[in-house]
Amino acid sequence: MIDLAPFFAARNEIIHEPALVAPTGPGTASRRQRAMDAVRTQCDDVLKFIETTIRAAATTLRTGRPRL
């Protein structure tokens, strides 16, 4: 099974951290640096998982039986 935890950890940082910063002024932009290879691998893993899920759902809909 593909470990999607690193992908979702990064996603949660991107989505939720801005909400934790007090809006006291114009603020400053800050970015977490992520290695392109790691991001690419995480995105590839998520897309593979989605593909597997969609293919399994399509098989189930066509045959009426889940493919395990």
PDB file of N, CA and C in Angstrom:
ATOM      1  N   MET A   1       0.851  -1.180   0.000  1.00  0.00           N
ATOM      2  CA  MET A   1       0.000   0.000   0.000  1.00  0.00           C
ATOM      3  C   MET A   1       0.899   1.247   0.000  1.00  0.00           C
ATOM      4  N   ILE A   2       0.449   2.247  -0.696  1.00  0.00           N
ATOM      5  CA  ILE A   2       1.190   3.496  -0.810  1.00  0.00           C
ATOM      6  C   ILE A   2       0.988   4.317   0.462  1.00  0.00           C
ATOM      7  N   ASP A   3       2.080   4.874   0.997  1.00  0.00           N
ATOM      8  CA  ASP A   3       2.008   5.715   2.195  1.00  0.00           C
ATOM      9  C   ASP A   3       1.720   7.153   1.765  1.00  0.00           C
ATOM     10  N   LEU A   4       0.492   7.591   1.979  1.00  0.00           N
ATOM     11  CA  LEU A   4       0.090   8.937   1.583  1.00  0.00           C
ATOM     12  C   LEU A   4       0.252   9.953   2.708  1.00  0.00           C
ATOM     13  N   ALA A   5       0.731   9.524   3.869  1.00  0.00           N
ATOM     14  CA  ALA A   5       0.862  10.424   5.017  1.00  0.00           C
ATOM     15  C   ALA A   5       1.735  11.646   4.723  1.00  0.00           C
ATOM     16  N   PRO A   6       2.901  11.507   4.074  1.00  0.00           N
ATOM     17  CA  PRO A   6       3.707  12.697   3.796  1.00  0.00           C
ATOM     18  C   PRO A   6       2.989  13.713   2.897  1.00  0.00           C
ATOM     19  N   PHE A   7       2.245  13.217   1.925  1.00  0.00           N
ATOM     20  CA  PHE A   7       1.483  14.101   1.041  1.00  0.00           C
ATOM     21  C   PHE A   7       0.454  14.895   1.844  1.00  0.00           C
ATOM     22  N   PHE A   8      -0.309  14.191   2.696  1.00  0.00           N
ATOM     23  CA  PHE A   8      -1.352  14.874   3.451  1.00  0.00           C
ATOM     24  C   PHE A   8      -0.776  15.771   4.545  1.00  0.00           C
ATOM     25  N   ALA A   9       0.374  15.422   5.090  1.00  0.00           N
ATOM     26  CA  ALA A   9       1.031  16.306   6.066  1.00  0.00           C
ATOM     27  C   ALA A   9       1.412  17.622   5.397  1.00  0.00           C
ATOM     28  N   ALA A  10       1.992  17.547   4.201  1.00  0.00           N
ATOM     29  CA  ALA A  10       2.352  18.765   3.464  1.00  0.00           C
ATOM     30  C   ALA A  10       1.108  19.544   3.097  1.00  0.00           C
ATOM     31  N   ARG A  11       0.086  18.864   2.649  1.00  0.00           N
ATOM     32  CA  ARG A  11      -1.176  19.519   2.286  1.00  0.00           C
ATOM     33  C   ARG A  11      -1.761  20.250   3.480  1.00  0.00           C
ATOM     34  N   ASN A  12      -1.759  19.603   4.634  1.00  0.00           N
ATOM     35  CA  ASN A  12      -2.313  20.235   5.829  1.00  0.00           C
ATOM     36  C   ASN A  12      -1.511  21.464   6.241  1.00  0.00           C
ATOM     37  N   GLU A  13      -0.185  21.418   6.102  1.00  0.00           N
ATOM     38  CA  GLU A  13       0.630  22.596   6.404  1.00  0.00           C
ATOM     39  C   GLU A  13       0.255  23.748   5.476  1.00  0.00           C
ATOM     40  N   ILE A  14       0.110  23.455   4.208  1.00  0.00           N
ATOM     41  CA  ILE A  14      -0.204  24.498   3.224  1.00  0.00           C
ATOM     42  C   ILE A  14      -1.582  25.099   3.485  1.00  0.00           C
ATOM     43  N   ILE A  15      -2.544  24.265   3.786  1.00  0.00           N
ATOM     44  CA  ILE A  15      -3.926  24.720   3.950  1.00  0.00           C
ATOM     45  C   ILE A  15      -4.181  25.376   5.299  1.00  0.00           C
ATOM     46  N   HIS A  16      -3.660  24.803   6.382  1.00  0.00           N
ATOM     47  CA  HIS A  16      -4.067  25.227   7.712  1.00  0.00           C
ATOM     48  C   HIS A  16      -3.152  26.255   8.380  1.00  0.00           C
ATOM     49  N   GLU A  17      -1.888  26.300   8.041  1.00  0.00           N
ATOM     50  CA  GLU A  17      -0.992  27.238   8.722  1.00  0.00           C
ATOM     51  C   GLU A  17      -1.394  28.696   8.555  1.00  0.00           C
ATOM     52  N   PRO A  18      -1.840  29.128   7.387  1.00  0.00           N
ATOM     53  CA  PRO A  18      -2.248  30.538   7.284  1.00  0.00           C
ATOM     54  C   PRO A  18      -3.366  30.908   8.255  1.00  0.00           C
ATOM     55  N   ALA A  19      -4.229  29.960   8.579  1.00  0.00           N
ATOM     56  CA  ALA A  19      -5.324  30.229   9.509  1.00  0.00           C
ATOM     57  C   ALA A  19      -4.828  30.418  10.936  1.00  0.00           C
ATOM     58  N   LEU A  20      -3.605  29.961  11.220  1.00  0.00           N
ATOM     59  CA  LEU A  20      -3.073  30.067  12.578  1.00  0.00           C
ATOM     60  C   LEU A  20      -2.295  31.359  12.815  1.00  0.00           C
ATOM     61  N   VAL A  21      -2.080  32.140  11.772  1.00  0.00           N
ATOM     62  CA  VAL A  21      -1.319  33.381  11.886  1.00  0.00           C
ATOM     63  C   VAL A  21      -2.286  34.510  12.202  1.00  0.00           C
ATOM     64  N   ALA A  22      -1.973  35.269  13.243  1.00  0.00           N
ATOM     65  CA  ALA A  22      -2.836  36.390  13.634  1.00  0.00           C
ATOM     66  C   ALA A  22      -2.781  37.483  12.571  1.00  0.00           C
ATOM     67  N   PRO A  23      -3.931  37.976  12.130  1.00  0.00           N
ATOM     68  CA  PRO A  23      -3.965  39.017  11.102  1.00  0.00           C
ATOM     69  C   PRO A  23      -3.740  40.400  11.707  1.00  0.00           C
ATOM     70  N   THR A  24      -2.491  40.712  12.032  1.00  0.00           N
ATOM     71  CA  THR A  24      -2.187  41.984  12.694  1.00  0.00           C
ATOM     72  C   THR A  24      -1.692  43.057  11.735  1.00  0.00           C
ATOM     73  N   GLY A  25      -1.589  42.737  10.488  1.00  0.00           N
ATOM     74  CA  GLY A  25      -1.102  43.701   9.515  1.00  0.00           C
ATOM     75  C   GLY A  25      -0.919  43.029   8.182  1.00  0.00           C
ATOM     76  N   PRO A  26      -0.143  43.676   7.313  1.00  0.00           N
ATOM     77  CA  PRO A  26       0.028  43.104   5.984  1.00  0.00           C
ATOM     78  C   PRO A  26       0.754  41.764   5.997  1.00  0.00           C
ATOM     79  N   GLY A  27       1.526  41.507   7.023  1.00  0.00           N
ATOM     80  CA  GLY A  27       2.203  40.225   7.146  1.00  0.00           C
ATOM     81  C   GLY A  27       3.364  40.073   6.177  1.00  0.00           C
ATOM     82  N   THR A  28       3.988  38.941   6.270  1.00  0.00           N
ATOM     83  CA  THR A  28       5.094  38.628   5.372  1.00  0.00           C
ATOM     84  C   THR A  28       4.856  37.248   4.788  1.00  0.00           C
ATOM     85  N   ALA A  29       5.232  37.114   3.584  1.00  0.00           N
ATOM     86  CA  ALA A  29       5.076  35.810   2.934  1.00  0.00           C
ATOM     87  C   ALA A  29       6.165  34.866   3.419  1.00  0.00           C
ATOM     88  N   SER A  30       5.772  33.692   3.776  1.00  0.00           N
ATOM     89  CA  SER A  30       6.759  32.685   4.159  1.00  0.00           C
ATOM     90  C   SER A  30       6.397  31.398   3.444  1.00  0.00           C
ATOM     91  N   ARG A  31       7.405  30.683   3.032  1.00  0.00           N
ATOM     92  CA  ARG A  31       7.184  29.437   2.307  1.00  0.00           C
ATOM     93  C   ARG A  31       8.062  28.356   2.899  1.00  0.00           C
ATOM     94  N   ARG A  32       7.514  27.174   2.942  1.00  0.00           N
ATOM     95  CA  ARG A  32       8.313  26.009   3.306  1.00  0.00           C
ATOM     96  C   ARG A  32       8.970  25.504   2.030  1.00  0.00           C
ATOM     97  N   GLN A  33      10.224  25.247   2.133  1.00  0.00           N
ATOM     98  CA  GLN A  33      10.927  24.704   0.982  1.00  0.00           C
ATOM     99  C   GLN A  33      10.731  23.191   0.952  1.00  0.00           C
ATOM    100  N   ARG A  34      10.355  22.680  -0.188  1.00  0.00           N
ATOM    101  CA  ARG A  34      10.189  21.245  -0.367  1.00  0.00           C
ATOM    102  C   ARG A  34      10.972  20.834  -1.601  1.00  0.00           C
ATOM    103  N   ALA A  35      11.672  19.743  -1.494  1.00  0.00           N
ATOM    104  CA  ALA A  35      12.468  19.258  -2.619  1.00  0.00           C
ATOM    105  C   ALA A  35      11.535  18.806  -3.743  1.00  0.00           C
ATOM    106  N   MET A  36      11.845  19.226  -4.954  1.00  0.00           N
ATOM    107  CA  MET A  36      10.998  18.900  -6.098  1.00  0.00           C
ATOM    108  C   MET A  36      10.835  17.395  -6.277  1.00  0.00           C
ATOM    109  N   ASP A  37      11.894  16.629  -6.067  1.00  0.00           N
ATOM    110  CA  ASP A  37      11.795  15.172  -6.212  1.00  0.00           C
ATOM    111  C   ASP A  37      10.804  14.580  -5.218  1.00  0.00           C
ATOM    112  N   ALA A  38      10.823  15.072  -3.986  1.00  0.00           N
ATOM    113  CA  ALA A  38       9.897  14.571  -2.969  1.00  0.00           C
ATOM    114  C   ALA A  38       8.458  14.940  -3.325  1.00  0.00           C
ATOM    115  N   VAL A  39       8.240  16.165  -3.774  1.00  0.00           N
ATOM    116  CA  VAL A  39       6.895  16.600  -4.160  1.00  0.00           C
ATOM    117  C   VAL A  39       6.405  15.781  -5.349  1.00  0.00           C
ATOM    118  N   ARG A  40       7.266  15.581  -6.327  1.00  0.00           N
ATOM    119  CA  ARG A  40       6.895  14.803  -7.505  1.00  0.00           C
ATOM    120  C   ARG A  40       6.504  13.373  -7.109  1.00  0.00           C
ATOM    121  N   THR A  41       7.300  12.761  -6.250  1.00  0.00           N
ATOM    122  CA  THR A  41       7.008  11.398  -5.800  1.00  0.00           C
ATOM    123  C   THR A  41       5.686  11.344  -5.054  1.00  0.00           C
ATOM    124  N   GLN A  42       5.450  12.304  -4.170  1.00  0.00           N
ATOM    125  CA  GLN A  42       4.192  12.332  -3.419  1.00  0.00           C
ATOM    126  C   GLN A  42       2.998  12.490  -4.357  1.00  0.00           C
ATOM    127  N   CYS A  43       3.103  13.383  -5.320  1.00  0.00           N
ATOM    128  CA  CYS A  43       2.006  13.590  -6.266  1.00  0.00           C
ATOM    129  C   CYS A  43       1.790  12.352  -7.130  1.00  0.00           C
ATOM    130  N   ASP A  44       2.871  11.732  -7.578  1.00  0.00           N
ATOM    131  CA  ASP A  44       2.752  10.498  -8.358  1.00  0.00           C
ATOM    132  C   ASP A  44       2.057   9.406  -7.551  1.00  0.00           C
ATOM    133  N   ASP A  45       2.421   9.284  -6.273  1.00  0.00           N
ATOM    134  CA  ASP A  45       1.806   8.271  -5.411  1.00  0.00           C
ATOM    135  C   ASP A  45       0.299   8.509  -5.264  1.00  0.00           C
ATOM    136  N   VAL A  46      -0.082   9.773  -5.075  1.00  0.00           N
ATOM    137  CA  VAL A  46      -1.507  10.093  -4.933  1.00  0.00           C
ATOM    138  C   VAL A  46      -2.246   9.784  -6.227  1.00  0.00           C
ATOM    139  N   LEU A  47      -1.667  10.147  -7.360  1.00  0.00           N
ATOM    140  CA  LEU A  47      -2.321   9.869  -8.641  1.00  0.00           C
ATOM    141  C   LEU A  47      -2.444   8.371  -8.905  1.00  0.00           C
ATOM    142  N   LYS A  48      -1.436   7.592  -8.525  1.00  0.00           N
ATOM    143  CA  LYS A  48      -1.518   6.132  -8.670  1.00  0.00           C
ATOM    144  C   LYS A  48      -2.633   5.570  -7.800  1.00  0.00           C
ATOM    145  N   PHE A  49      -2.741   6.080  -6.577  1.00  0.00           N
ATOM    146  CA  PHE A  49      -3.793   5.630  -5.665  1.00  0.00           C
ATOM    147  C   PHE A  49      -5.170   5.954  -6.240  1.00  0.00           C
ATOM    148  N   ILE A  50      -5.324   7.166  -6.762  1.00  0.00           N
ATOM    149  CA  ILE A  50      -6.607   7.571  -7.347  1.00  0.00           C
ATOM    150  C   ILE A  50      -6.933   6.696  -8.557  1.00  0.00           C
ATOM    151  N   GLU A  51      -5.930   6.440  -9.393  1.00  0.00           N
ATOM    152  CA  GLU A  51      -6.153   5.588 -10.555  1.00  0.00           C
ATOM    153  C   GLU A  51      -6.615   4.195 -10.131  1.00  0.00           C
ATOM    154  N   THR A  52      -5.955   3.620  -9.148  1.00  0.00           N
ATOM    155  CA  THR A  52      -6.319   2.293  -8.656  1.00  0.00           C
ATOM    156  C   THR A  52      -7.748   2.293  -8.119  1.00  0.00           C
ATOM    157  N   THR A  53      -8.100   3.323  -7.382  1.00  0.00           N
ATOM    158  CA  THR A  53      -9.441   3.429  -6.806  1.00  0.00           C
ATOM    159  C   THR A  53     -10.502   3.556  -7.894  1.00  0.00           C
ATOM    160  N   ILE A  54     -10.241   4.398  -8.891  1.00  0.00           N
ATOM    161  CA  ILE A  54     -11.217   4.586  -9.974  1.00  0.00           C
ATOM    162  C   ILE A  54     -11.359   3.311 -10.790  1.00  0.00           C
ATOM    163  N   ARG A  55     -10.239   2.654 -11.085  1.00  0.00           N
ATOM    164  CA  ARG A  55     -10.319   1.402 -11.855  1.00  0.00           C
ATOM    165  C   ARG A  55     -11.111   0.340 -11.095  1.00  0.00           C
ATOM    166  N   ALA A  56     -10.882   0.240  -9.792  1.00  0.00           N
ATOM    167  CA  ALA A  56     -11.619  -0.739  -8.985  1.00  0.00           C
ATOM    168  C   ALA A  56     -13.111  -0.402  -8.953  1.00  0.00           C
ATOM    169  N   ALA A  57     -13.439   0.870  -8.841  1.00  0.00           N
ATOM    170  CA  ALA A  57     -14.847   1.277  -8.841  1.00  0.00           C
ATOM    171  C   ALA A  57     -15.492   0.972 -10.193  1.00  0.00           C
ATOM    172  N   ALA A  58     -14.770   1.246 -11.273  1.00  0.00           N
ATOM    173  CA  ALA A  58     -15.305   0.968 -12.612  1.00  0.00           C
ATOM    174  C   ALA A  58     -15.549  -0.522 -12.796  1.00  0.00           C
ATOM    175  N   THR A  59     -14.621  -1.352 -12.336  1.00  0.00           N
ATOM    176  CA  THR A  59     -14.793  -2.805 -12.426  1.00  0.00           C
ATOM    177  C   THR A  59     -16.007  -3.255 -11.639  1.00  0.00           C
ATOM    178  N   THR A  60     -16.159  -2.717 -10.444  1.00  0.00           N
ATOM    179  CA  THR A  60     -17.304  -3.065  -9.602  1.00  0.00           C
ATOM    180  C   THR A  60     -18.617  -2.673 -10.279  1.00  0.00           C
ATOM    181  N   LEU A  61     -18.640  -1.502 -10.882  1.00  0.00           N
ATOM    182  CA  LEU A  61     -19.859  -1.050 -11.544  1.00  0.00           C
ATOM    183  C   LEU A  61     -20.175  -1.905 -12.774  1.00  0.00           C
ATOM    184  N   ARG A  62     -19.142  -2.305 -13.505  1.00  0.00           N
ATOM    185  CA  ARG A  62     -19.357  -3.132 -14.695  1.00  0.00           C
ATOM    186  C   ARG A  62     -19.788  -4.548 -14.354  1.00  0.00           C
ATOM    187  N   THR A  63     -19.149  -5.131 -13.361  1.00  0.00           N
ATOM    188  CA  THR A  63     -19.371  -6.552 -13.068  1.00  0.00           C
ATOM    189  C   THR A  63     -20.307  -6.799 -11.895  1.00  0.00           C
ATOM    190  N   GLY A  64     -20.499  -5.782 -11.078  1.00  0.00           N
ATOM    191  CA  GLY A  64     -21.317  -5.980  -9.878  1.00  0.00           C
ATOM    192  C   GLY A  64     -20.550  -6.634  -8.753  1.00  0.00           C
ATOM    193  N   ARG A  65     -19.255  -6.900  -8.964  1.00  0.00           N
ATOM    194  CA  ARG A  65     -18.425  -7.538  -7.933  1.00  0.00           C
ATOM    195  C   ARG A  65     -17.180  -6.680  -7.705  1.00  0.00           C
ATOM    196  N   PRO A  66     -16.805  -6.476  -6.459  1.00  0.00           N
ATOM    197  CA  PRO A  66     -15.547  -5.754  -6.204  1.00  0.00           C
ATOM    198  C   PRO A  66     -14.346  -6.601  -6.613  1.00  0.00           C
ATOM    199  N   ARG A  67     -13.348  -5.957  -7.148  1.00  0.00           N
ATOM    200  CA  ARG A  67     -12.096  -6.640  -7.485  1.00  0.00           C
ATOM    201  C   ARG A  67     -11.139  -6.463  -6.325  1.00  0.00           C
ATOM    202  N   LEU A  68     -10.739  -7.542  -5.726  1.00  0.00           N
ATOM    203  CA  LEU A  68      -9.841  -7.473  -4.559  1.00  0.00           C
ATOM    204  C   LEU A  68      -8.452  -7.854  -4.941  1.00  0.00           C
TER     205      LEU A  68
END
